Amino acid sequence: MSRIYRYNFCEDFASDLYDFSKVHQYDDRQKFKEAWKEWSNENEDSIQKETIRLQKLGYEGNITDKMFKSAKYYFRKKSTVKKEPAKRRDYVSLDKSLLEAMDEHIDLNGETKPSDSFESFLTDYEDLVGEVVLSLQTEHDAEDSMQRIKKAYKNRYFVRIASNSNMRRHESRENA
């Protein structure tokens, strides 16, 4: 069974909590506390049901405190306006030879810090990086092209290092 890291309220209870928070959104601290006590008394049954549900799921903290803090610090400040998703940049694939060179370099220099490893990569593969930056400059400026290369390198670094460490862990378990 997978472990739960975030215990969410059921939809009905969250909706009630949200409604309460919006009604008292602009109350000062004292008025909000008083309104919370009154609301808690009026909704004692639903609070009890939600408490039992969360305990059955394995939540070990103070559930009424979680409810109060959610109402005061989360739902109260939650916007009712739906945000427009941010426009993503167009995906630009990097040259396959550059990606292979990155992988080879990472495999050889995986013990160093990612930033140091990237600097070393730029030095060792200066010509290849220069060619790729020139090819990308038709669509992007040099700084943006270097940022894309740096991001690709660091992403590949973390993926390869993580997979290598997982492989070593798996091998050590088999050998044990």
C-alpha atoms as a PDB file:
ATOM      1  CA  MET A   1       0.000   0.000   0.000  1.00  0.00           C
ATOM      2  CA  SER A   2       1.353   3.421  -0.921  1.00  0.00           C
ATOM      3  CA  ARG A   3       1.914   5.992   1.765  1.00  0.00           C
ATOM      4  CA  ILE A   4      -0.201   9.171   1.815  1.00  0.00           C
ATOM      5  CA  TYR A   5       1.754  12.413   2.171  1.00  0.00           C
ATOM      6  CA  ARG A   6      -1.105  14.885   1.848  1.00  0.00           C
ATOM      7  CA  TYR A   7      -4.406  14.258   3.536  1.00  0.00           C
ATOM      8  CA  ASN A   8      -7.100  16.174   1.697  1.00  0.00           C
ATOM      9  CA  PHE A   9     -10.580  16.832   2.970  1.00  0.00           C
ATOM     10  CA  CYS A  10     -13.481  15.166   1.161  1.00  0.00           C
ATOM     11  CA  GLU A  11     -15.116  17.349  -1.500  1.00  0.00           C
ATOM     12  CA  ASP A  12     -18.263  18.157   0.489  1.00  0.00           C
ATOM     13  CA  PHE A  13     -16.367  19.151   3.615  1.00  0.00           C
ATOM     14  CA  ALA A  14     -13.787  21.157   1.658  1.00  0.00           C
ATOM     15  CA  SER A  15     -16.619  22.998  -0.062  1.00  0.00           C
ATOM     16  CA  ASP A  16     -18.242  23.860   3.286  1.00  0.00           C
ATOM     17  CA  LEU A  17     -14.888  24.987   4.681  1.00  0.00           C
ATOM     18  CA  TYR A  18     -14.255  27.083   1.565  1.00  0.00           C
ATOM     19  CA  ASP A  19     -17.683  28.740   1.865  1.00  0.00           C
ATOM     20  CA  PHE A  20     -17.032  29.583   5.523  1.00  0.00           C
ATOM     21  CA  SER A  21     -13.617  31.019   4.650  1.00  0.00           C
ATOM     22  CA  LYS A  22     -14.970  33.227   1.898  1.00  0.00           C
ATOM     23  CA  VAL A  23     -17.733  34.609   4.124  1.00  0.00           C
ATOM     24  CA  HIS A  24     -15.147  35.529   6.756  1.00  0.00           C
ATOM     25  CA  GLN A  25     -12.322  36.376   4.367  1.00  0.00           C
ATOM     26  CA  TYR A  26     -11.915  39.958   5.566  1.00  0.00           C
ATOM     27  CA  ASP A  27     -12.557  39.400   9.285  1.00  0.00           C
ATOM     28  CA  ASP A  28      -9.814  40.381  11.699  1.00  0.00           C
ATOM     29  CA  ARG A  29      -8.106  37.646  13.714  1.00  0.00           C
ATOM     30  CA  GLN A  30     -10.462  37.795  16.701  1.00  0.00           C
ATOM     31  CA  LYS A  31     -13.679  37.887  14.652  1.00  0.00           C
ATOM     32  CA  PHE A  32     -12.440  34.991  12.521  1.00  0.00           C
ATOM     33  CA  LYS A  33     -11.755  32.882  15.646  1.00  0.00           C
ATOM     34  CA  GLU A  34     -15.200  33.649  17.047  1.00  0.00           C
ATOM     35  CA  ALA A  35     -16.872  32.816  13.746  1.00  0.00           C
ATOM     36  CA  TRP A  36     -14.837  29.589  13.596  1.00  0.00           C
ATOM     37  CA  LYS A  37     -16.059  28.504  17.038  1.00  0.00           C
ATOM     38  CA  GLU A  38     -19.644  29.195  16.048  1.00  0.00           C
ATOM     39  CA  TRP A  39     -19.283  27.402  12.694  1.00  0.00           C
ATOM     40  CA  SER A  40     -17.570  24.448  14.409  1.00  0.00           C
ATOM     41  CA  ASN A  41     -20.479  24.091  16.832  1.00  0.00           C
ATOM     42  CA  GLU A  42     -23.054  24.292  14.030  1.00  0.00           C
ATOM     43  CA  ASN A  43     -21.164  21.761  11.888  1.00  0.00           C
ATOM     44  CA  GLU A  44     -20.089  19.401  14.646  1.00  0.00           C
ATOM     45  CA  ASP A  45     -21.472  16.313  12.848  1.00  0.00           C
ATOM     46  CA  SER A  46     -19.652  16.921   9.570  1.00  0.00           C
ATOM     47  CA  ILE A  47     -16.440  17.788  11.453  1.00  0.00           C
ATOM     48  CA  GLN A  48     -16.726  14.525  13.383  1.00  0.00           C
ATOM     49  CA  LYS A  49     -17.317  12.507  10.173  1.00  0.00           C
ATOM     50  CA  GLU A  50     -14.327  14.121   8.478  1.00  0.00           C
ATOM     51  CA  THR A  51     -12.152  13.545  11.563  1.00  0.00           C
ATOM     52  CA  ILE A  52     -13.039   9.831  11.566  1.00  0.00           C
ATOM     53  CA  ARG A  53     -12.400   9.583   7.805  1.00  0.00           C
ATOM     54  CA  LEU A  54      -8.943  11.174   8.069  1.00  0.00           C
ATOM     55  CA  GLN A  55      -8.013   9.017  11.072  1.00  0.00           C
ATOM     56  CA  LYS A  56      -8.983   5.877   9.124  1.00  0.00           C
ATOM     57  CA  LEU A  57      -6.685   7.037   6.323  1.00  0.00           C
ATOM     58  CA  GLY A  58      -3.848   7.304   8.846  1.00  0.00           C
ATOM     59  CA  TYR A  59      -3.659  11.020   9.626  1.00  0.00           C
ATOM     60  CA  GLU A  60      -1.994  11.381  13.020  1.00  0.00           C
ATOM     61  CA  GLY A  61      -2.018  15.146  13.567  1.00  0.00           C
ATOM     62  CA  ASN A  62      -4.564  17.427  15.173  1.00  0.00           C
ATOM     63  CA  ILE A  63      -7.396  17.362  12.633  1.00  0.00           C
ATOM     64  CA  THR A  64      -9.406  20.301  14.010  1.00  0.00           C
ATOM     65  CA  ASP A  65      -6.214  22.384  13.922  1.00  0.00           C
ATOM     66  CA  LYS A  66      -5.683  21.287  10.303  1.00  0.00           C
ATOM     67  CA  MET A  67      -9.239  22.391   9.499  1.00  0.00           C
ATOM     68  CA  PHE A  68      -8.819  25.777  11.172  1.00  0.00           C
ATOM     69  CA  LYS A  69      -5.491  26.461   9.490  1.00  0.00           C
ATOM     70  CA  SER A  70      -6.857  25.399   6.105  1.00  0.00           C
ATOM     71  CA  ALA A  71      -9.782  27.767   6.520  1.00  0.00           C
ATOM     72  CA  LYS A  72      -7.666  30.660   7.750  1.00  0.00           C
ATOM     73  CA  TYR A  73      -4.533  30.384   5.633  1.00  0.00           C
ATOM     74  CA  TYR A  74      -5.512  28.470   2.507  1.00  0.00           C
ATOM     75  CA  PHE A  75      -9.189  28.689   1.574  1.00  0.00           C
ATOM     76  CA  ARG A  76      -9.488  32.284   2.745  1.00  0.00           C
ATOM     77  CA  LYS A  77      -6.755  33.422   0.378  1.00  0.00           C
ATOM     78  CA  LYS A  78      -7.673  31.108  -2.489  1.00  0.00           C
ATOM     79  CA  SER A  79      -8.772  33.094  -5.507  1.00  0.00           C
ATOM     80  CA  THR A  80     -12.124  32.486  -7.134  1.00  0.00           C
ATOM     81  CA  VAL A  81     -10.763  33.622 -10.489  1.00  0.00           C
ATOM     82  CA  LYS A  82      -9.509  30.838 -12.739  1.00  0.00           C
ATOM     83  CA  LYS A  83      -5.937  31.537 -13.867  1.00  0.00           C
ATOM     84  CA  GLU A  84      -4.996  31.325 -17.502  1.00  0.00           C
ATOM     85  CA  PRO A  85      -2.251  28.746 -17.967  1.00  0.00           C
ATOM     86  CA  ALA A  86       1.113  30.278 -18.724  1.00  0.00           C
ATOM     87  CA  LYS A  87       2.159  30.107 -22.352  1.00  0.00           C
ATOM     88  CA  ARG A  88       4.868  27.533 -22.727  1.00  0.00           C
ATOM     89  CA  ARG A  89       7.868  28.026 -24.917  1.00  0.00           C
ATOM     90  CA  ASP A  90       8.077  26.059 -28.108  1.00  0.00           C
ATOM     91  CA  TYR A  91      10.037  22.866 -27.630  1.00  0.00           C
ATOM     92  CA  VAL A  92      13.356  22.882 -29.427  1.00  0.00           C
ATOM     93  CA  SER A  93      15.140  19.574 -29.607  1.00  0.00           C
ATOM     94  CA  LEU A  94      18.888  19.573 -29.268  1.00  0.00           C
ATOM     95  CA  ASP A  95      21.269  17.858 -31.648  1.00  0.00           C
ATOM     96  CA  LYS A  96      21.555  14.117 -30.970  1.00  0.00           C
ATOM     97  CA  SER A  97      25.358  14.237 -31.034  1.00  0.00           C
ATOM     98  CA  LEU A  98      25.283  16.911 -28.323  1.00  0.00           C
ATOM     99  CA  LEU A  99      22.990  14.793 -26.153  1.00  0.00           C
ATOM    100  CA  GLU A 100      25.241  11.746 -26.604  1.00  0.00           C
ATOM    101  CA  ALA A 101      28.282  13.857 -25.705  1.00  0.00           C
ATOM    102  CA  MET A 102      26.462  15.071 -22.580  1.00  0.00           C
ATOM    103  CA  ASP A 103      25.700  11.489 -21.530  1.00  0.00           C
ATOM    104  CA  GLU A 104      29.275  10.390 -22.110  1.00  0.00           C
ATOM    105  CA  HIS A 105      30.633  13.363 -20.145  1.00  0.00           C
ATOM    106  CA  ILE A 106      28.217  12.802 -17.270  1.00  0.00           C
ATOM    107  CA  ASP A 107      29.174   9.129 -17.040  1.00  0.00           C
ATOM    108  CA  LEU A 108      32.835  10.120 -16.763  1.00  0.00           C
ATOM    109  CA  ASN A 109      32.314  13.089 -14.406  1.00  0.00           C
ATOM    110  CA  GLY A 110      29.361  11.991 -12.300  1.00  0.00           C
ATOM    111  CA  GLU A 111      31.216  12.475  -9.025  1.00  0.00           C
ATOM    112  CA  THR A 112      31.557  16.254  -9.401  1.00  0.00           C
ATOM    113  CA  LYS A 113      28.959  18.934  -8.688  1.00  0.00           C
ATOM    114  CA  PRO A 114      26.521  19.476 -11.577  1.00  0.00           C
ATOM    115  CA  SER A 115      27.646  23.084 -12.043  1.00  0.00           C
ATOM    116  CA  ASP A 116      31.322  22.099 -12.162  1.00  0.00           C
ATOM    117  CA  SER A 117      30.532  19.201 -14.469  1.00  0.00           C
ATOM    118  CA  PHE A 118      28.677  21.527 -16.849  1.00  0.00           C
ATOM    119  CA  GLU A 119      31.568  23.998 -16.917  1.00  0.00           C
ATOM    120  CA  SER A 120      33.914  21.119 -17.700  1.00  0.00           C
ATOM    121  CA  PHE A 121      31.550  19.961 -20.454  1.00  0.00           C
ATOM    122  CA  LEU A 122      31.580  23.426 -22.035  1.00  0.00           C
ATOM    123  CA  THR A 123      35.372  23.380 -22.065  1.00  0.00           C
ATOM    124  CA  ASP A 124      35.738  19.803 -23.326  1.00  0.00           C
ATOM    125  CA  TYR A 125      33.099  20.120 -26.066  1.00  0.00           C
ATOM    126  CA  GLU A 126      33.530  23.787 -26.957  1.00  0.00           C
ATOM    127  CA  ASP A 127      33.338  23.232 -30.728  1.00  0.00           C
ATOM    128  CA  LEU A 128      30.218  21.041 -30.571  1.00  0.00           C
ATOM    129  CA  VAL A 129      28.448  23.437 -28.204  1.00  0.00           C
ATOM    130  CA  GLY A 130      29.364  26.364 -30.469  1.00  0.00           C
ATOM    131  CA  GLU A 131      27.868  24.610 -33.503  1.00  0.00           C
ATOM    132  CA  VAL A 132      24.638  23.854 -31.653  1.00  0.00           C
ATOM    133  CA  VAL A 133      24.350  27.437 -30.375  1.00  0.00           C
ATOM    134  CA  LEU A 134      24.799  28.702 -33.946  1.00  0.00           C
ATOM    135  CA  SER A 135      22.124  26.332 -35.247  1.00  0.00           C
ATOM    136  CA  LEU A 136      19.715  27.402 -32.499  1.00  0.00           C
ATOM    137  CA  GLN A 137      20.350  31.106 -33.132  1.00  0.00           C
ATOM    138  CA  THR A 138      18.045  31.083 -36.137  1.00  0.00           C
ATOM    139  CA  GLU A 139      15.156  30.890 -33.648  1.00  0.00           C
ATOM    140  CA  HIS A 140      16.703  32.077 -30.349  1.00  0.00           C
ATOM    141  CA  ASP A 141      19.443  34.387 -29.152  1.00  0.00           C
ATOM    142  CA  ALA A 142      22.784  32.996 -27.917  1.00  0.00           C
ATOM    143  CA  GLU A 143      21.950  33.447 -24.224  1.00  0.00           C
ATOM    144  CA  ASP A 144      18.642  31.596 -24.567  1.00  0.00           C
ATOM    145  CA  SER A 145      20.390  28.824 -26.510  1.00  0.00           C
ATOM    146  CA  MET A 146      23.004  28.413 -23.771  1.00  0.00           C
ATOM    147  CA  GLN A 147      20.267  28.302 -21.125  1.00  0.00           C
ATOM    148  CA  ARG A 148      18.544  25.500 -23.043  1.00  0.00           C
ATOM    149  CA  ILE A 149      21.800  23.560 -23.298  1.00  0.00           C
ATOM    150  CA  LYS A 150      22.528  24.085 -19.607  1.00  0.00           C
ATOM    151  CA  LYS A 151      19.035  22.945 -18.630  1.00  0.00           C
ATOM    152  CA  ALA A 152      19.275  19.874 -20.845  1.00  0.00           C
ATOM    153  CA  TYR A 153      22.677  19.011 -19.371  1.00  0.00           C
ATOM    154  CA  LYS A 154      21.541  19.353 -15.759  1.00  0.00           C
ATOM    155  CA  ASN A 155      18.328  17.388 -16.411  1.00  0.00           C
ATOM    156  CA  ARG A 156      20.321  14.592 -18.030  1.00  0.00           C
ATOM    157  CA  TYR A 157      22.844  14.782 -15.183  1.00  0.00           C
ATOM    158  CA  PHE A 158      20.239  14.238 -12.495  1.00  0.00           C
ATOM    159  CA  VAL A 159      18.433  11.508 -14.444  1.00  0.00           C
ATOM    160  CA  ARG A 160      21.662   9.586 -15.109  1.00  0.00           C
ATOM    161  CA  ILE A 161      23.025  10.035 -11.588  1.00  0.00           C
ATOM    162  CA  ALA A 162      19.698   8.997 -10.048  1.00  0.00           C
ATOM    163  CA  SER A 163      19.404   5.933 -12.285  1.00  0.00           C
ATOM    164  CA  ASN A 164      23.026   4.987 -11.589  1.00  0.00           C
ATOM    165  CA  SER A 165      22.562   5.266  -7.818  1.00  0.00           C
ATOM    166  CA  ASN A 166      19.328   3.235  -8.017  1.00  0.00           C
ATOM    167  CA  MET A 167      21.172   0.587 -10.024  1.00  0.00           C
ATOM    168  CA  ARG A 168      23.999   0.454  -7.453  1.00  0.00           C
ATOM    169  CA  ARG A 169      21.475   0.157  -4.620  1.00  0.00           C
ATOM    170  CA  HIS A 170      19.687  -2.656  -6.445  1.00  0.00           C
ATOM    171  CA  GLU A 171      22.978  -4.475  -7.108  1.00  0.00           C
ATOM    172  CA  SER A 172      24.066  -4.154  -3.468  1.00  0.00           C
ATOM    173  CA  ARG A 173      20.763  -5.690  -2.330  1.00  0.00           C
ATOM    174  CA  GLU A 174      21.222  -8.603  -4.727  1.00  0.00           C
ATOM    175  CA  ASN A 175      24.779  -9.186  -3.532  1.00  0.00           C
ATOM    176  CA  ALA A 176      23.788  -9.035   0.141  1.00  0.00           C
END
